[in-house]
All heavy atoms as atom14 arrays in JSON, in Angstrom:
{
  "sequence": "AEVIHFWHQPTPESQANWRNLSDIVIQIRD",
  "atom14_mask": [
    [1, 1, 1, 1, 1, 0, 0, 0, 0, 0, 0, 0, 0, 0],
    [1, 1, 1, 1, 1, 1, 1, 1, 1, 0, 0, 0, 0, 0],
    [1, 1, 1, 1, 1, 1, 1, 0, 0, 0, 0, 0, 0, 0],
    [1, 1, 1, 1, 1, 1, 1, 1, 0, 0, 0, 0, 0, 0],
    [1, 1, 1, 1, 1, 1, 1, 1, 1, 1, 0, 0, 0, 0],
    [1, 1, 1, 1, 1, 1, 1, 1, 1, 1, 1, 0, 0, 0],
    [1, 1, 1, 1, 1, 1, 1, 1, 1, 1, 1, 1, 1, 1],
    [1, 1, 1, 1, 1, 1, 1, 1, 1, 1, 0, 0, 0, 0],
    [1, 1, 1, 1, 1, 1, 1, 1, 1, 0, 0, 0, 0, 0],
    [1, 1, 1, 1, 1, 1, 1, 0, 0, 0, 0, 0, 0, 0],
    [1, 1, 1, 1, 1, 1, 1, 0, 0, 0, 0, 0, 0, 0],
    [1, 1, 1, 1, 1, 1, 1, 0, 0, 0, 0, 0, 0, 0],
    [1, 1, 1, 1, 1, 1, 1, 1, 1, 0, 0, 0, 0, 0],
    [1, 1, 1, 1, 1, 1, 0, 0, 0, 0, 0, 0, 0, 0],
    [1, 1, 1, 1, 1, 1, 1, 1, 1, 0, 0, 0, 0, 0],
    [1, 1, 1, 1, 1, 0, 0, 0, 0, 0, 0, 0, 0, 0],
    [1, 1, 1, 1, 1, 1, 1, 1, 0, 0, 0, 0, 0, 0],
    [1, 1, 1, 1, 1, 1, 1, 1, 1, 1, 1, 1, 1, 1],
    [1, 1, 1, 1, 1, 1, 1, 1, 1, 1, 1, 0, 0, 0],
    [1, 1, 1, 1, 1, 1, 1, 1, 0, 0, 0, 0, 0, 0],
    [1, 1, 1, 1, 1, 1, 1, 1, 0, 0, 0, 0, 0, 0],
    [1, 1, 1, 1, 1, 1, 0, 0, 0, 0, 0, 0, 0, 0],
    [1, 1, 1, 1, 1, 1, 1, 1, 0, 0, 0, 0, 0, 0],
    [1, 1, 1, 1, 1, 1, 1, 1, 0, 0, 0, 0, 0, 0],
    [1, 1, 1, 1, 1, 1, 1, 0, 0, 0, 0, 0, 0, 0],
    [1, 1, 1, 1, 1, 1, 1, 1, 0, 0, 0, 0, 0, 0],
    [1, 1, 1, 1, 1, 1, 1, 1, 1, 0, 0, 0, 0, 0],
    [1, 1, 1, 1, 1, 1, 1, 1, 0, 0, 0, 0, 0, 0],
    [1, 1, 1, 1, 1, 1, 1, 1, 1, 1, 1, 0, 0, 0],
    [1, 1, 1, 1, 1, 1, 1, 1, 0, 0, 0, 0, 0, 0]
  ],
  "atom14_positions": [
    [[22.15, -4.23, -32.42], [21.38, -4.77, -33.57], [21.71, -4.1, -34.85], [22.07, -2.9, -34.9], [19.9, -4.66, -33.3], [0.0, 0.0, 0.0], [0.0, 0.0, 0.0], [0.0, 0.0, 0.0], [0.0, 0.0, 0.0], [0.0, 0.0, 0.0], [0.0, 0.0, 0.0], [0.0, 0.0, 0.0], [0.0, 0.0, 0.0], [0.0, 0.0, 0.0]],
    [[21.63, -4.83, -35.92], [21.75, -4.29, -37.27], [20.34, -4.15, -37.87], [19.34, -4.64, -37.31], [22.56, -5.2, -38.2], [24.06, -5.12, -37.96], [24.44, -5.84, -36.65], [23.96, -6.96, -36.41], [25.18, -5.24, -35.88], [0.0, 0.0, 0.0], [0.0, 0.0, 0.0], [0.0, 0.0, 0.0], [0.0, 0.0, 0.0], [0.0, 0.0, 0.0]],
    [[20.23, -3.33, -38.94], [18.94, -3.23, -39.69], [19.11, -3.91, -41.0], [19.99, -3.64, -41.82], [18.64, -1.72, -39.93], [17.31, -1.57, -40.65], [18.61, -0.95, -38.63], [0.0, 0.0, 0.0], [0.0, 0.0, 0.0], [0.0, 0.0, 0.0], [0.0, 0.0, 0.0], [0.0, 0.0, 0.0], [0.0, 0.0, 0.0], [0.0, 0.0, 0.0]],
    [[18.25, -4.92, -41.21], [18.22, -5.7, -42.44], [17.01, -5.24, -43.23], [15.9, -5.33, -42.73], [18.11, -7.21, -42.16], [19.18, -7.65, -41.13], [18.27, -7.98, -43.46], [18.95, -8.96, -40.48], [0.0, 0.0, 0.0], [0.0, 0.0, 0.0], [0.0, 0.0, 0.0], [0.0, 0.0, 0.0], [0.0, 0.0, 0.0], [0.0, 0.0, 0.0]],
    [[17.21, -4.83, -44.49], [16.05, -4.23, -45.16], [16.22, -4.18, -46.68], [17.34, -4.22, -47.24], [15.88, -2.78, -44.68], [17.01, -1.84, -44.95], [17.03, -1.03, -46.01], [18.18, -1.73, -44.3], [18.19, -0.36, -46.0], [18.89, -0.75, -44.96], [0.0, 0.0, 0.0], [0.0, 0.0, 0.0], [0.0, 0.0, 0.0], [0.0, 0.0, 0.0]],
    [[15.1, -4.08, -47.38], [15.09, -3.67, -48.82], [15.45, -2.22, -48.88], [15.17, -1.47, -47.94], [13.75, -3.9, -49.43], [13.44, -5.33, -49.8], [14.3, -6.37, -49.52], [12.26, -5.61, -50.48], [14.0, -7.66, -49.86], [11.96, -6.93, -50.81], [12.81, -7.94, -50.49], [0.0, 0.0, 0.0], [0.0, 0.0, 0.0], [0.0, 0.0, 0.0]],
    [[15.94, -1.76, -50.02], [16.23, -0.34, -50.19], [15.96, 0.01, -51.64], [16.45, -0.66, -52.56], [17.65, 0.01, -49.84], [17.98, 1.46, -49.74], [18.82, 2.22, -50.5], [17.41, 2.37, -48.78], [18.85, 3.5, -50.06], [17.94, 3.66, -49.0], [16.45, 2.23, -47.75], [17.64, 4.8, -48.27], [16.12, 3.41, -47.01], [16.72, 4.61, -47.25]],
    [[15.19, 1.04, -51.84], [14.8, 1.47, -53.19], [15.97, 2.24, -53.79], [16.41, 3.24, -53.3], [13.57, 2.42, -53.11], [13.01, 2.69, -54.47], [12.26, 3.85, -54.72], [12.99, 1.97, -55.63], [11.85, 3.86, -55.96], [12.32, 2.74, -56.54], [0.0, 0.0, 0.0], [0.0, 0.0, 0.0], [0.0, 0.0, 0.0], [0.0, 0.0, 0.0]],
    [[16.49, 1.7, -54.9], [17.68, 2.26, -55.56], [17.45, 2.32, -57.02], [18.05, 1.61, -57.79], [18.9, 1.4, -55.22], [20.26, 2.14, -55.41], [21.33, 1.32, -54.82], [21.81, 0.33, -55.37], [21.8, 1.72, -53.6], [0.0, 0.0, 0.0], [0.0, 0.0, 0.0], [0.0, 0.0, 0.0], [0.0, 0.0, 0.0], [0.0, 0.0, 0.0]],
    [[16.55, 3.21, -57.48], [16.22, 3.33, -58.94], [17.39, 3.95, -59.65], [18.24, 4.7, -59.11], [15.01, 4.19, -58.92], [15.13, 5.07, -57.68], [15.78, 4.21, -56.66], [0.0, 0.0, 0.0], [0.0, 0.0, 0.0], [0.0, 0.0, 0.0], [0.0, 0.0, 0.0], [0.0, 0.0, 0.0], [0.0, 0.0, 0.0], [0.0, 0.0, 0.0]],
    [[17.41, 3.75, -60.99], [18.37, 4.36, -61.85], [17.58, 5.21, -62.82], [16.39, 5.06, -63.0], [19.16, 3.33, -62.62], [18.22, 2.49, -63.44], [19.92, 2.41, -61.69], [0.0, 0.0, 0.0], [0.0, 0.0, 0.0], [0.0, 0.0, 0.0], [0.0, 0.0, 0.0], [0.0, 0.0, 0.0], [0.0, 0.0, 0.0], [0.0, 0.0, 0.0]],
    [[18.27, 6.17, -63.49], [17.54, 7.07, -64.46], [16.78, 6.3, -65.52], [15.71, 6.73, -65.97], [18.67, 7.94, -65.07], [19.7, 7.91, -64.02], [19.69, 6.55, -63.37], [0.0, 0.0, 0.0], [0.0, 0.0, 0.0], [0.0, 0.0, 0.0], [0.0, 0.0, 0.0], [0.0, 0.0, 0.0], [0.0, 0.0, 0.0], [0.0, 0.0, 0.0]],
    [[17.3, 5.12, -65.93], [16.62, 4.34, -66.97], [15.66, 3.32, -66.38], [15.08, 2.53, -67.11], [17.66, 3.64, -67.84], [18.57, 2.64, -67.11], [19.77, 3.26, -66.46], [19.85, 4.51, -66.44], [20.64, 2.52, -66.0], [0.0, 0.0, 0.0], [0.0, 0.0, 0.0], [0.0, 0.0, 0.0], [0.0, 0.0, 0.0], [0.0, 0.0, 0.0]],
    [[15.52, 3.29, -65.07], [14.67, 2.28, -64.49], [13.2, 2.47, -64.9], [12.66, 3.53, -64.82], [14.81, 2.38, -62.92], [13.87, 1.46, -62.32], [0.0, 0.0, 0.0], [0.0, 0.0, 0.0], [0.0, 0.0, 0.0], [0.0, 0.0, 0.0], [0.0, 0.0, 0.0], [0.0, 0.0, 0.0], [0.0, 0.0, 0.0], [0.0, 0.0, 0.0]],
    [[12.57, 1.32, -65.25], [11.17, 1.37, -65.59], [10.33, 0.56, -64.58], [9.19, 0.29, -64.82], [10.95, 0.72, -66.98], [11.69, 1.46, -68.11], [11.21, 2.89, -68.25], [10.01, 3.12, -68.3], [12.09, 3.83, -68.41], [0.0, 0.0, 0.0], [0.0, 0.0, 0.0], [0.0, 0.0, 0.0], [0.0, 0.0, 0.0], [0.0, 0.0, 0.0]],
    [[10.9, 0.29, -63.45], [10.26, -0.55, -62.42], [9.06, 0.24, -61.83], [9.09, 1.46, -61.72], [11.21, -0.95, -61.32], [0.0, 0.0, 0.0], [0.0, 0.0, 0.0], [0.0, 0.0, 0.0], [0.0, 0.0, 0.0], [0.0, 0.0, 0.0], [0.0, 0.0, 0.0], [0.0, 0.0, 0.0], [0.0, 0.0, 0.0], [0.0, 0.0, 0.0]],
    [[8.07, -0.51, -61.41], [6.94, 0.08, -60.68], [6.68, -0.74, -59.46], [7.48, -1.62, -59.04], [5.73, 0.18, -61.6], [5.26, -1.17, -62.13], [5.35, -2.16, -61.51], [4.78, -1.18, -63.35], [0.0, 0.0, 0.0], [0.0, 0.0, 0.0], [0.0, 0.0, 0.0], [0.0, 0.0, 0.0], [0.0, 0.0, 0.0], [0.0, 0.0, 0.0]],
    [[5.58, -0.54, -58.78], [5.28, -1.16, -57.51], [5.11, -2.68, -57.65], [5.19, -3.45, -56.71], [4.05, -0.56, -56.89], [2.74, -0.87, -57.57], [2.24, -0.25, -58.68], [1.78, -1.88, -57.21], [1.04, -0.77, -59.0], [0.73, -1.8, -58.13], [1.73, -2.83, -56.22], [-0.41, -2.59, -58.07], [0.61, -3.62, -56.15], [-0.45, -3.54, -57.12]],
    [[4.88, -3.17, -58.93], [4.62, -4.6, -59.13], [5.91, -5.42, -59.45], [5.82, -6.63, -59.63], [3.6, -4.77, -60.21], [2.26, -4.2, -59.85], [1.18, -4.53, -60.85], [1.48, -4.0, -62.19], [0.65, -4.04, -63.21], [-0.5, -4.7, -63.07], [0.95, -3.55, -64.32], [0.0, 0.0, 0.0], [0.0, 0.0, 0.0], [0.0, 0.0, 0.0]],
    [[7.05, -4.75, -59.49], [8.27, -5.56, -59.69], [9.4, -4.92, -58.91], [9.35, -3.76, -58.5], [8.63, -5.7, -61.14], [9.21, -4.44, -61.75], [10.38, -4.09, -61.48], [8.4, -3.71, -62.52], [0.0, 0.0, 0.0], [0.0, 0.0, 0.0], [0.0, 0.0, 0.0], [0.0, 0.0, 0.0], [0.0, 0.0, 0.0], [0.0, 0.0, 0.0]],
    [[10.45, -5.68, -58.63], [11.47, -5.29, -57.7], [12.93, -5.16, -58.33], [13.91, -5.37, -57.75], [11.57, -6.25, -56.52], [10.33, -6.35, -55.66], [10.49, -7.42, -54.63], [10.05, -5.01, -55.03], [0.0, 0.0, 0.0], [0.0, 0.0, 0.0], [0.0, 0.0, 0.0], [0.0, 0.0, 0.0], [0.0, 0.0, 0.0], [0.0, 0.0, 0.0]],
    [[12.9, -4.8, -59.65], [14.19, -4.71, -60.34], [15.0, -3.54, -59.85], [16.23, -3.46, -60.12], [13.96, -4.57, -61.85], [13.19, -3.39, -62.13], [0.0, 0.0, 0.0], [0.0, 0.0, 0.0], [0.0, 0.0, 0.0], [0.0, 0.0, 0.0], [0.0, 0.0, 0.0], [0.0, 0.0, 0.0], [0.0, 0.0, 0.0], [0.0, 0.0, 0.0]],
    [[14.44, -2.6, -59.09], [15.18, -1.44, -58.55], [15.37, -1.56, -57.03], [15.44, -0.53, -56.37], [14.52, -0.17, -58.91], [12.98, -0.1, -58.52], [12.56, -1.12, -57.93], [12.37, 0.95, -58.78], [0.0, 0.0, 0.0], [0.0, 0.0, 0.0], [0.0, 0.0, 0.0], [0.0, 0.0, 0.0], [0.0, 0.0, 0.0], [0.0, 0.0, 0.0]],
    [[15.43, -2.77, -56.53], [15.63, -3.0, -55.12], [17.0, -3.65, -54.8], [17.45, -4.46, -55.57], [14.47, -3.93, -54.55], [13.21, -3.13, -54.35], [14.86, -4.59, -53.28], [13.24, -2.08, -53.28], [0.0, 0.0, 0.0], [0.0, 0.0, 0.0], [0.0, 0.0, 0.0], [0.0, 0.0, 0.0], [0.0, 0.0, 0.0], [0.0, 0.0, 0.0]],
    [[17.59, -3.24, -53.7], [18.76, -3.96, -53.19], [18.45, -4.32, -51.78], [17.52, -3.8, -51.15], [20.07, -3.11, -53.22], [20.42, -2.7, -54.65], [19.87, -1.86, -52.35], [0.0, 0.0, 0.0], [0.0, 0.0, 0.0], [0.0, 0.0, 0.0], [0.0, 0.0, 0.0], [0.0, 0.0, 0.0], [0.0, 0.0, 0.0], [0.0, 0.0, 0.0]],
    [[19.17, -5.31, -51.23], [19.13, -5.73, -49.83], [20.32, -5.11, -49.12], [21.47, -5.25, -49.63], [19.1, -7.19, -49.62], [17.85, -7.79, -50.27], [19.1, -7.59, -48.13], [17.8, -9.34, -50.16], [0.0, 0.0, 0.0], [0.0, 0.0, 0.0], [0.0, 0.0, 0.0], [0.0, 0.0, 0.0], [0.0, 0.0, 0.0], [0.0, 0.0, 0.0]],
    [[20.08, -4.46, -47.96], [21.21, -3.85, -47.26], [21.16, -4.33, -45.82], [20.08, -4.66, -45.26], [21.08, -2.3, -47.24], [21.29, -1.65, -48.57], [21.23, -0.18, -48.54], [20.68, 0.41, -47.59], [21.72, 0.54, -49.52], [0.0, 0.0, 0.0], [0.0, 0.0, 0.0], [0.0, 0.0, 0.0], [0.0, 0.0, 0.0], [0.0, 0.0, 0.0]],
    [[22.32, -4.44, -45.19], [22.48, -4.61, -43.78], [23.21, -3.32, -43.26], [24.34, -3.06, -43.69], [23.26, -5.86, -43.42], [22.5, -7.12, -43.9], [23.5, -5.93, -41.89], [23.19, -8.43, -43.58], [0.0, 0.0, 0.0], [0.0, 0.0, 0.0], [0.0, 0.0, 0.0], [0.0, 0.0, 0.0], [0.0, 0.0, 0.0], [0.0, 0.0, 0.0]],
    [[22.61, -2.61, -42.32], [23.17, -1.36, -41.8], [23.6, -1.55, -40.39], [22.92, -2.22, -39.58], [22.18, -0.17, -41.97], [21.84, 0.12, -43.37], [21.09, 1.46, -43.45], [20.7, 1.81, -44.78], [20.8, 2.98, -45.34], [21.29, 4.0, -44.63], [20.41, 3.2, -46.59], [0.0, 0.0, 0.0], [0.0, 0.0, 0.0], [0.0, 0.0, 0.0]],
    [[24.58, -0.85, -39.98], [25.01, -0.74, -38.6], [23.98, -0.01, -37.83], [23.57, 1.13, -38.21], [26.35, -0.05, -38.51], [26.9, 0.01, -37.09], [26.47, 0.92, -36.33], [27.74, -0.87, -36.68], [0.0, 0.0, 0.0], [0.0, 0.0, 0.0], [0.0, 0.0, 0.0], [0.0, 0.0, 0.0], [0.0, 0.0, 0.0], [0.0, 0.0, 0.0]]
  ]
}
C-alpha cells in the first residue's frame, strides 16, 4: 500500500492558518 495524504509545507512568508490550505500539498508515499 501507498500513503495518500495532505502534508503541511509552510514557507517563511506563509500567512496561512487553520482556516485555509494555501500551505498544503498532496503527497503519495511509498
